[in-house]
PDB file of all heavy atoms in Angstrom:
ATOM      1  N   PHE A   1      14.973  -6.827 -16.706  1.00  0.00           N
ATOM      2  CA  PHE A   1      14.753  -5.402 -16.946  1.00  0.00           C
ATOM      3  C   PHE A   1      13.296  -5.115 -17.294  1.00  0.00           C
ATOM      4  O   PHE A   1      12.718  -4.149 -16.805  1.00  0.00           O
ATOM      5  CB  PHE A   1      15.667  -4.949 -18.082  1.00  0.00           C
ATOM      6  CG  PHE A   1      15.564  -3.470 -18.385  1.00  0.00           C
ATOM      7  CD1 PHE A   1      15.935  -2.533 -17.441  1.00  0.00           C
ATOM      8  CD2 PHE A   1      15.085  -3.037 -19.612  1.00  0.00           C
ATOM      9  CE1 PHE A   1      15.831  -1.178 -17.717  1.00  0.00           C
ATOM     10  CE2 PHE A   1      14.982  -1.688 -19.891  1.00  0.00           C
ATOM     11  CZ  PHE A   1      15.361  -0.755 -18.942  1.00  0.00           C
ATOM     12  N   SER A   2      12.694  -5.968 -18.138  1.00  0.00           N
ATOM     13  CA  SER A   2      11.304  -5.736 -18.527  1.00  0.00           C
ATOM     14  C   SER A   2      10.362  -5.891 -17.339  1.00  0.00           C
ATOM     15  O   SER A   2       9.361  -5.176 -17.230  1.00  0.00           O
ATOM     16  CB  SER A   2      10.890  -6.705 -19.639  1.00  0.00           C
ATOM     17  OG  SER A   2      11.034  -8.032 -19.204  1.00  0.00           O
ATOM     18  N   ASN A   3      10.681  -6.810 -16.423  1.00  0.00           N
ATOM     19  CA  ASN A   3       9.825  -6.977 -15.248  1.00  0.00           C
ATOM     20  C   ASN A   3       9.933  -5.766 -14.328  1.00  0.00           C
ATOM     21  O   ASN A   3       8.936  -5.319 -13.745  1.00  0.00           O
ATOM     22  CB  ASN A   3      10.219  -8.241 -14.495  1.00  0.00           C
ATOM     23  CG  ASN A   3       9.231  -8.580 -13.399  1.00  0.00           C
ATOM     24  OD1 ASN A   3       8.040  -8.726 -13.658  1.00  0.00           O
ATOM     25  ND2 ASN A   3       9.709  -8.693 -12.171  1.00  0.00           N
ATOM     26  N   ILE A   4      11.140  -5.234 -14.211  1.00  0.00           N
ATOM     27  CA  ILE A   4      11.318  -4.026 -13.403  1.00  0.00           C
ATOM     28  C   ILE A   4      10.508  -2.870 -14.000  1.00  0.00           C
ATOM     29  O   ILE A   4       9.868  -2.103 -13.285  1.00  0.00           O
ATOM     30  CB  ILE A   4      12.806  -3.661 -13.307  1.00  0.00           C
ATOM     31  CG1 ILE A   4      13.555  -4.730 -12.502  1.00  0.00           C
ATOM     32  CG2 ILE A   4      12.999  -2.289 -12.674  1.00  0.00           C
ATOM     33  CD1 ILE A   4      15.063  -4.561 -12.516  1.00  0.00           C
ATOM     34  N   LYS A   5      10.534  -2.753 -15.338  1.00  0.00           N
ATOM     35  CA  LYS A   5       9.759  -1.690 -15.993  1.00  0.00           C
ATOM     36  C   LYS A   5       8.263  -1.881 -15.756  1.00  0.00           C
ATOM     37  O   LYS A   5       7.544  -0.904 -15.544  1.00  0.00           O
ATOM     38  CB  LYS A   5      10.056  -1.685 -17.498  1.00  0.00           C
ATOM     39  CG  LYS A   5      11.441  -1.172 -17.854  1.00  0.00           C
ATOM     40  CD  LYS A   5      11.539  -0.796 -19.317  1.00  0.00           C
ATOM     41  CE  LYS A   5      11.347  -2.002 -20.192  1.00  0.00           C
ATOM     42  NZ  LYS A   5      11.517  -1.659 -21.631  1.00  0.00           N
ATOM     43  N   ARG A   6       7.802  -3.144 -15.793  1.00  0.00           N
ATOM     44  CA  ARG A   6       6.380  -3.395 -15.531  1.00  0.00           C
ATOM     45  C   ARG A   6       6.002  -2.972 -14.122  1.00  0.00           C
ATOM     46  O   ARG A   6       4.942  -2.379 -13.897  1.00  0.00           O
ATOM     47  CB  ARG A   6       6.072  -4.886 -15.732  1.00  0.00           C
ATOM     48  CG  ARG A   6       5.977  -5.319 -17.188  1.00  0.00           C
ATOM     49  CD  ARG A   6       5.302  -6.665 -17.314  1.00  0.00           C
ATOM     50  NE  ARG A   6       6.056  -7.709 -16.649  1.00  0.00           N
ATOM     51  CZ  ARG A   6       6.987  -8.445 -17.234  1.00  0.00           C
ATOM     52  NH1 ARG A   6       7.300  -8.221 -18.508  1.00  0.00           N
ATOM     53  NH2 ARG A   6       7.622  -9.387 -16.569  1.00  0.00           N
ATOM     54  N   LYS A   7       6.880  -3.282 -13.157  1.00  0.00           N
ATOM     55  CA  LYS A   7       6.600  -2.895 -11.775  1.00  0.00           C
ATOM     56  C   LYS A   7       6.572  -1.375 -11.620  1.00  0.00           C
ATOM     57  O   LYS A   7       5.730  -0.823 -10.899  1.00  0.00           O
ATOM     58  CB  LYS A   7       7.656  -3.508 -10.840  1.00  0.00           C
ATOM     59  CG  LYS A   7       7.535  -5.021 -10.697  1.00  0.00           C
ATOM     60  CD  LYS A   7       8.614  -5.566  -9.772  1.00  0.00           C
ATOM     61  CE  LYS A   7       8.481  -7.071  -9.619  1.00  0.00           C
ATOM     62  NZ  LYS A   7       9.531  -7.633  -8.739  1.00  0.00           N
ATOM     63  N   ILE A   8       7.498  -0.691 -12.305  1.00  0.00           N
ATOM     64  CA  ILE A   8       7.530   0.775 -12.231  1.00  0.00           C
ATOM     65  C   ILE A   8       6.260   1.367 -12.825  1.00  0.00           C
ATOM     66  O   ILE A   8       5.650   2.288 -12.259  1.00  0.00           O
ATOM     67  CB  ILE A   8       8.788   1.316 -12.945  1.00  0.00           C
ATOM     68  CG1 ILE A   8      10.052   0.911 -12.176  1.00  0.00           C
ATOM     69  CG2 ILE A   8       8.710   2.831 -13.099  1.00  0.00           C
ATOM     70  CD1 ILE A   8      11.335   1.241 -12.904  1.00  0.00           C
ATOM     71  N   ARG A   9       5.850   0.845 -14.004  1.00  0.00           N
ATOM     72  CA  ARG A   9       4.620   1.344 -14.640  1.00  0.00           C
ATOM     73  C   ARG A   9       3.401   1.092 -13.749  1.00  0.00           C
ATOM     74  O   ARG A   9       2.519   1.948 -13.622  1.00  0.00           O
ATOM     75  CB  ARG A   9       4.422   0.673 -16.005  1.00  0.00           C
ATOM     76  CG  ARG A   9       5.344   1.201 -17.089  1.00  0.00           C
ATOM     77  CD  ARG A   9       4.839   0.831 -18.475  1.00  0.00           C
ATOM     78  NE  ARG A   9       4.820  -0.613 -18.656  1.00  0.00           N
ATOM     79  CZ  ARG A   9       5.801  -1.310 -19.193  1.00  0.00           C
ATOM     80  NH1 ARG A   9       6.902  -0.685 -19.608  1.00  0.00           N
ATOM     81  NH2 ARG A   9       5.714  -2.615 -19.353  1.00  0.00           N
ATOM     82  N   PHE A  10       3.376  -0.085 -13.117  1.00  0.00           N
ATOM     83  CA  PHE A  10       2.250  -0.404 -12.240  1.00  0.00           C
ATOM     84  C   PHE A  10       2.211   0.547 -11.051  1.00  0.00           C
ATOM     85  O   PHE A  10       1.139   1.055 -10.665  1.00  0.00           O
ATOM     86  CB  PHE A  10       2.363  -1.851 -11.752  1.00  0.00           C
ATOM     87  CG  PHE A  10       1.254  -2.272 -10.817  1.00  0.00           C
ATOM     88  CD1 PHE A  10      -0.023  -2.518 -11.307  1.00  0.00           C
ATOM     89  CD2 PHE A  10       1.493  -2.408  -9.461  1.00  0.00           C
ATOM     90  CE1 PHE A  10      -1.047  -2.899 -10.448  1.00  0.00           C
ATOM     91  CE2 PHE A  10       0.492  -2.784  -8.595  1.00  0.00           C
ATOM     92  CZ  PHE A  10      -0.793  -3.035  -9.090  1.00  0.00           C
ATOM     93  N   ARG A  11       3.371   0.830 -10.455  1.00  0.00           N
ATOM     94  CA  ARG A  11       3.417   1.759  -9.318  1.00  0.00           C
ATOM     95  C   ARG A  11       2.960   3.154  -9.741  1.00  0.00           C
ATOM     96  O   ARG A  11       2.250   3.837  -8.989  1.00  0.00           O
ATOM     97  CB  ARG A  11       4.845   1.834  -8.766  1.00  0.00           C
ATOM     98  CG  ARG A  11       5.273   0.623  -7.958  1.00  0.00           C
ATOM     99  CD  ARG A  11       6.440   0.952  -7.053  1.00  0.00           C
ATOM    100  NE  ARG A  11       7.089  -0.255  -6.579  1.00  0.00           N
ATOM    101  CZ  ARG A  11       8.202  -0.758  -7.076  1.00  0.00           C
ATOM    102  NH1 ARG A  11       8.787  -0.143  -8.091  1.00  0.00           N
ATOM    103  NH2 ARG A  11       8.740  -1.853  -6.585  1.00  0.00           N
ATOM    104  N   ARG A  12       3.377   3.575 -10.930  1.00  0.00           N
ATOM    105  CA  ARG A  12       2.972   4.894 -11.415  1.00  0.00           C
ATOM    106  C   ARG A  12       1.460   4.980 -11.596  1.00  0.00           C
ATOM    107  O   ARG A  12       0.832   5.999 -11.267  1.00  0.00           O
ATOM    108  CB  ARG A  12       3.674   5.208 -12.731  1.00  0.00           C
ATOM    109  CG  ARG A  12       5.157   5.543 -12.549  1.00  0.00           C
ATOM    110  CD  ARG A  12       5.840   5.736 -13.889  1.00  0.00           C
ATOM    111  NE  ARG A  12       7.249   6.081 -13.731  1.00  0.00           N
ATOM    112  CZ  ARG A  12       8.109   6.158 -14.730  1.00  0.00           C
ATOM    113  NH1 ARG A  12       7.706   5.892 -15.984  1.00  0.00           N
ATOM    114  NH2 ARG A  12       9.370   6.487 -14.510  1.00  0.00           N
ATOM    115  N   LYS A  13       0.877   3.898 -12.132  1.00  0.00           N
ATOM    116  CA  LYS A  13      -0.576   3.886 -12.301  1.00  0.00           C
ATOM    117  C   LYS A  13      -1.283   3.961 -10.950  1.00  0.00           C
ATOM    118  O   LYS A  13      -2.272   4.683 -10.789  1.00  0.00           O
ATOM    119  CB  LYS A  13      -1.004   2.622 -13.051  1.00  0.00           C
ATOM    120  CG  LYS A  13      -0.633   2.625 -14.523  1.00  0.00           C
ATOM    121  CD  LYS A  13      -1.075   1.349 -15.204  1.00  0.00           C
ATOM    122  CE  LYS A  13      -0.685   1.363 -16.691  1.00  0.00           C
ATOM    123  NZ  LYS A  13      -1.090   0.102 -17.362  1.00  0.00           N
ATOM    124  N   VAL A  14      -0.772   3.201  -9.977  1.00  0.00           N
ATOM    125  CA  VAL A  14      -1.360   3.237  -8.628  1.00  0.00           C
ATOM    126  C   VAL A  14      -1.224   4.623  -8.026  1.00  0.00           C
ATOM    127  O   VAL A  14      -2.173   5.168  -7.442  1.00  0.00           O
ATOM    128  CB  VAL A  14      -0.689   2.179  -7.724  1.00  0.00           C
ATOM    129  CG1 VAL A  14      -1.148   2.355  -6.274  1.00  0.00           C
ATOM    130  CG2 VAL A  14      -1.017   0.773  -8.207  1.00  0.00           C
ATOM    131  N   ASP A  15      -0.054   5.242  -8.193  1.00  0.00           N
ATOM    132  CA  ASP A  15       0.163   6.589  -7.661  1.00  0.00           C
ATOM    133  C   ASP A  15      -0.754   7.597  -8.342  1.00  0.00           C
ATOM    134  O   ASP A  15      -1.286   8.511  -7.673  1.00  0.00           O
ATOM    135  CB  ASP A  15       1.627   7.003  -7.854  1.00  0.00           C
ATOM    136  CG  ASP A  15       2.570   6.202  -6.972  1.00  0.00           C
ATOM    137  OD1 ASP A  15       2.089   5.632  -5.966  1.00  0.00           O
ATOM    138  OD2 ASP A  15       3.781   6.147  -7.299  1.00  0.00           O
ATOM    139  N   ASN A  16      -0.968   7.442  -9.655  1.00  0.00           N
ATOM    140  CA  ASN A  16      -1.875   8.354 -10.379  1.00  0.00           C
ATOM    141  C   ASN A  16      -3.303   8.227  -9.882  1.00  0.00           C
ATOM    142  O   ASN A  16      -4.017   9.216  -9.720  1.00  0.00           O
ATOM    143  CB  ASN A  16      -1.817   8.073 -11.881  1.00  0.00           C
ATOM    144  CG  ASN A  16      -0.500   8.525 -12.506  1.00  0.00           C
ATOM    145  OD1 ASN A  16       0.172   9.391 -11.964  1.00  0.00           O
ATOM    146  ND2 ASN A  16      -0.135   7.923 -13.627  1.00  0.00           N
ATOM    147  N   VAL A  17      -3.713   6.962  -9.651  1.00  0.00           N
ATOM    148  CA  VAL A  17      -5.077   6.743  -9.144  1.00  0.00           C
ATOM    149  C   VAL A  17      -5.229   7.360  -7.760  1.00  0.00           C
ATOM    150  O   VAL A  17      -6.241   8.015  -7.457  1.00  0.00           O
ATOM    151  CB  VAL A  17      -5.400   5.234  -9.109  1.00  0.00           C
ATOM    152  CG1 VAL A  17      -6.704   4.985  -8.360  1.00  0.00           C
ATOM    153  CG2 VAL A  17      -5.490   4.670 -10.518  1.00  0.00           C
ATOM    154  N   LYS A  18      -4.225   7.181  -6.909  1.00  0.00           N
ATOM    155  CA  LYS A  18      -4.271   7.763  -5.570  1.00  0.00           C
ATOM    156  C   LYS A  18      -4.316   9.290  -5.638  1.00  0.00           C
ATOM    157  O   LYS A  18      -5.064   9.944  -4.899  1.00  0.00           O
ATOM    158  CB  LYS A  18      -3.052   7.319  -4.749  1.00  0.00           C
ATOM    159  CG  LYS A  18      -3.095   5.864  -4.327  1.00  0.00           C
ATOM    160  CD  LYS A  18      -1.845   5.516  -3.515  1.00  0.00           C
ATOM    161  CE  LYS A  18      -1.874   4.079  -3.054  1.00  0.00           C
ATOM    162  NZ  LYS A  18      -0.645   3.722  -2.281  1.00  0.00           N
ATOM    163  N   GLU A  19      -3.515   9.865  -6.548  1.00  0.00           N
ATOM    164  CA  GLU A  19      -3.469  11.321  -6.690  1.00  0.00           C
ATOM    165  C   GLU A  19      -4.811  11.865  -7.160  1.00  0.00           C
ATOM    166  O   GLU A  19      -5.301  12.889  -6.657  1.00  0.00           O
ATOM    167  CB  GLU A  19      -2.355  11.696  -7.673  1.00  0.00           C
ATOM    168  CG  GLU A  19      -2.052  13.187  -7.723  1.00  0.00           C
ATOM    169  CD  GLU A  19      -1.492  13.705  -6.420  1.00  0.00           C
ATOM    170  OE1 GLU A  19      -0.816  12.937  -5.706  1.00  0.00           O
ATOM    171  OE2 GLU A  19      -1.740  14.885  -6.105  1.00  0.00           O
ATOM    172  N   LYS A  20      -5.401  11.175  -8.137  1.00  0.00           N
ATOM    173  CA  LYS A  20      -6.724  11.609  -8.620  1.00  0.00           C
ATOM    174  C   LYS A  20      -7.759  11.504  -7.524  1.00  0.00           C
ATOM    175  O   LYS A  20      -8.639  12.367  -7.376  1.00  0.00           O
ATOM    176  CB  LYS A  20      -7.136  10.755  -9.824  1.00  0.00           C
ATOM    177  CG  LYS A  20      -6.346  11.041 -11.088  1.00  0.00           C
ATOM    178  CD  LYS A  20      -6.797  10.133 -12.227  1.00  0.00           C
ATOM    179  CE  LYS A  20      -5.973  10.415 -13.487  1.00  0.00           C
ATOM    180  NZ  LYS A  20      -6.365   9.501 -14.604  1.00  0.00           N
ATOM    181  N   GLY A  21      -7.665  10.435  -6.716  1.00  0.00           N
ATOM    182  CA  GLY A  21      -8.604  10.277  -5.605  1.00  0.00           C
ATOM    183  C   GLY A  21      -8.467  11.394  -4.595  1.00  0.00           C
ATOM    184  O   GLY A  21      -9.478  11.937  -4.108  1.00  0.00           O
ATOM    185  N   LYS A  22      -7.226  11.786  -4.293  1.00  0.00           N
ATOM    186  CA  LYS A  22      -7.001  12.883  -3.353  1.00  0.00           C
ATOM    187  C   LYS A  22      -7.541  14.198  -3.912  1.00  0.00           C
ATOM    188  O   LYS A  22      -8.131  15.006  -3.182  1.00  0.00           O
ATOM    189  CB  LYS A  22      -5.505  13.021  -3.052  1.00  0.00           C
ATOM    190  CG  LYS A  22      -4.938  11.900  -2.194  1.00  0.00           C
ATOM    191  CD  LYS A  22      -3.449  12.115  -1.960  1.00  0.00           C
ATOM    192  CE  LYS A  22      -2.861  10.990  -1.128  1.00  0.00           C
ATOM    193  NZ  LYS A  22      -1.401  11.164  -0.926  1.00  0.00           N
ATOM    194  N   ASN A  23      -7.338  14.409  -5.232  1.00  0.00           N
ATOM    195  CA  ASN A  23      -7.811  15.640  -5.858  1.00  0.00           C
ATOM    196  C   ASN A  23      -9.334  15.735  -5.807  1.00  0.00           C
ATOM    197  O   ASN A  23      -9.904  16.804  -5.594  1.00  0.00           O
ATOM    198  CB  ASN A  23      -7.337  15.724  -7.316  1.00  0.00           C
ATOM    199  CG  ASN A  23      -5.825  15.920  -7.403  1.00  0.00           C
ATOM    200  OD1 ASN A  23      -5.204  16.413  -6.450  1.00  0.00           O
ATOM    201  ND2 ASN A  23      -5.239  15.540  -8.537  1.00  0.00           N
ATOM    202  N   ILE A  24      -9.983  14.591  -6.037  1.00  0.00           N
ATOM    203  CA  ILE A  24     -11.451  14.577  -5.990  1.00  0.00           C
ATOM    204  C   ILE A  24     -11.942  14.881  -4.586  1.00  0.00           C
ATOM    205  O   ILE A  24     -12.886  15.653  -4.379  1.00  0.00           O
ATOM    206  CB  ILE A  24     -11.991  13.219  -6.477  1.00  0.00           C
ATOM    207  CG1 ILE A  24     -11.694  13.041  -7.967  1.00  0.00           C
ATOM    208  CG2 ILE A  24     -13.480  13.100  -6.209  1.00  0.00           C
ATOM    209  CD1 ILE A  24     -12.024  11.658  -8.497  1.00  0.00           C
ATOM    210  N   ILE A  25     -11.274  14.270  -3.601  1.00  0.00           N
ATOM    211  CA  ILE A  25     -11.691  14.486  -2.206  1.00  0.00           C
ATOM    212  C   ILE A  25     -11.451  15.921  -1.772  1.00  0.00           C
ATOM    213  O   ILE A  25     -12.286  16.547  -1.092  1.00  0.00           O
ATOM    214  CB  ILE A  25     -10.938  13.518  -1.276  1.00  0.00           C
ATOM    215  CG1 ILE A  25     -11.365  12.060  -1.552  1.00  0.00           C
ATOM    216  CG2 ILE A  25     -11.193  13.863   0.187  1.00  0.00           C
ATOM    217  CD1 ILE A  25     -10.543  11.022  -0.832  1.00  0.00           C
ATOM    218  N   ASN A  26     -10.304  16.489  -2.191  1.00  0.00           N
ATOM    219  CA  ASN A  26      -9.942  17.840  -1.745  1.00  0.00           C
ATOM    220  C   ASN A  26     -10.526  18.934  -2.609  1.00  0.00           C
ATOM    221  O   ASN A  26     -10.422  20.129  -2.261  1.00  0.00           O
ATOM    222  CB  ASN A  26      -8.416  17.973  -1.748  1.00  0.00           C
ATOM    223  CG  ASN A  26      -7.767  17.033  -0.741  1.00  0.00           C
ATOM    224  OD1 ASN A  26      -8.364  16.721   0.295  1.00  0.00           O
ATOM    225  ND2 ASN A  26      -6.563  16.569  -1.040  1.00  0.00           N
ATOM    226  N   SER A  27     -11.111  18.594  -3.769  1.00  0.00           N
ATOM    227  CA  SER A  27     -11.665  19.637  -4.648  1.00  0.00           C
ATOM    228  C   SER A  27     -12.889  20.250  -3.990  1.00  0.00           C
ATOM    229  O   SER A  27     -13.684  19.567  -3.335  1.00  0.00           O
ATOM    230  CB  SER A  27     -12.027  19.038  -6.002  1.00  0.00           C
ATOM    231  OG  SER A  27     -13.017  18.048  -5.843  1.00  0.00           O
ATOM    232  N   PRO A  28     -13.116  21.601  -4.170  1.00  0.00           N
ATOM    233  CA  PRO A  28     -14.298  22.267  -3.581  1.00  0.00           C
ATOM    234  C   PRO A  28     -15.587  21.738  -4.199  1.00  0.00           C
ATOM    235  O   PRO A  28     -15.689  21.531  -5.402  1.00  0.00           O
ATOM    236  CB  PRO A  28     -14.071  23.736  -3.937  1.00  0.00           C
ATOM    237  CG  PRO A  28     -13.144  23.710  -5.104  1.00  0.00           C
ATOM    238  CD  PRO A  28     -12.274  22.519  -4.947  1.00  0.00           C
ATOM    239  N   LYS A  29     -16.557  21.465  -3.364  1.00  0.00           N
ATOM    240  CA  LYS A  29     -17.845  20.939  -3.834  1.00  0.00           C
ATOM    241  C   LYS A  29     -18.765  22.093  -4.266  1.00  0.00           C
ATOM    242  O   LYS A  29     -18.727  23.191  -3.729  1.00  0.00           O
ATOM    243  CB  LYS A  29     -18.524  20.160  -2.724  1.00  0.00           C
ATOM    244  CG  LYS A  29     -17.740  18.934  -2.301  1.00  0.00           C
ATOM    245  CD  LYS A  29     -18.479  18.193  -1.205  1.00  0.00           C
ATOM    246  CE  LYS A  29     -17.706  16.942  -0.787  1.00  0.00           C
ATOM    247  NZ  LYS A  29     -18.390  16.209   0.301  1.00  0.00           N
ATOM    248  N   ASP A  30     -19.562  21.818  -5.303  1.00  0.00           N
ATOM    249  CA  ASP A  30     -20.527  22.830  -5.771  1.00  0.00           C
ATOM    250  C   ASP A  30     -21.643  23.004  -4.745  1.00  0.00           C
ATOM    251  O   ASP A  30     -22.134  22.068  -4.128  1.00  0.00           O
ATOM    252  CB  ASP A  30     -21.156  22.373  -7.093  1.00  0.00           C
ATOM    253  CG  ASP A  30     -20.101  22.285  -8.184  1.00  0.00           C
ATOM    254  OD1 ASP A  30     -19.100  23.018  -8.075  1.00  0.00           O
ATOM    255  OD2 ASP A  30     -20.292  21.482  -9.126  1.00  0.00           O
TER     256      ASP A  30
END
């Protein structure tokens, strides 16, 4: 169970990083 939780947390972190990267790319430039 703890290993499954670690994998879920790791996936969430990867998804957050990807989401932030997309937001930076799609954000309007000054």
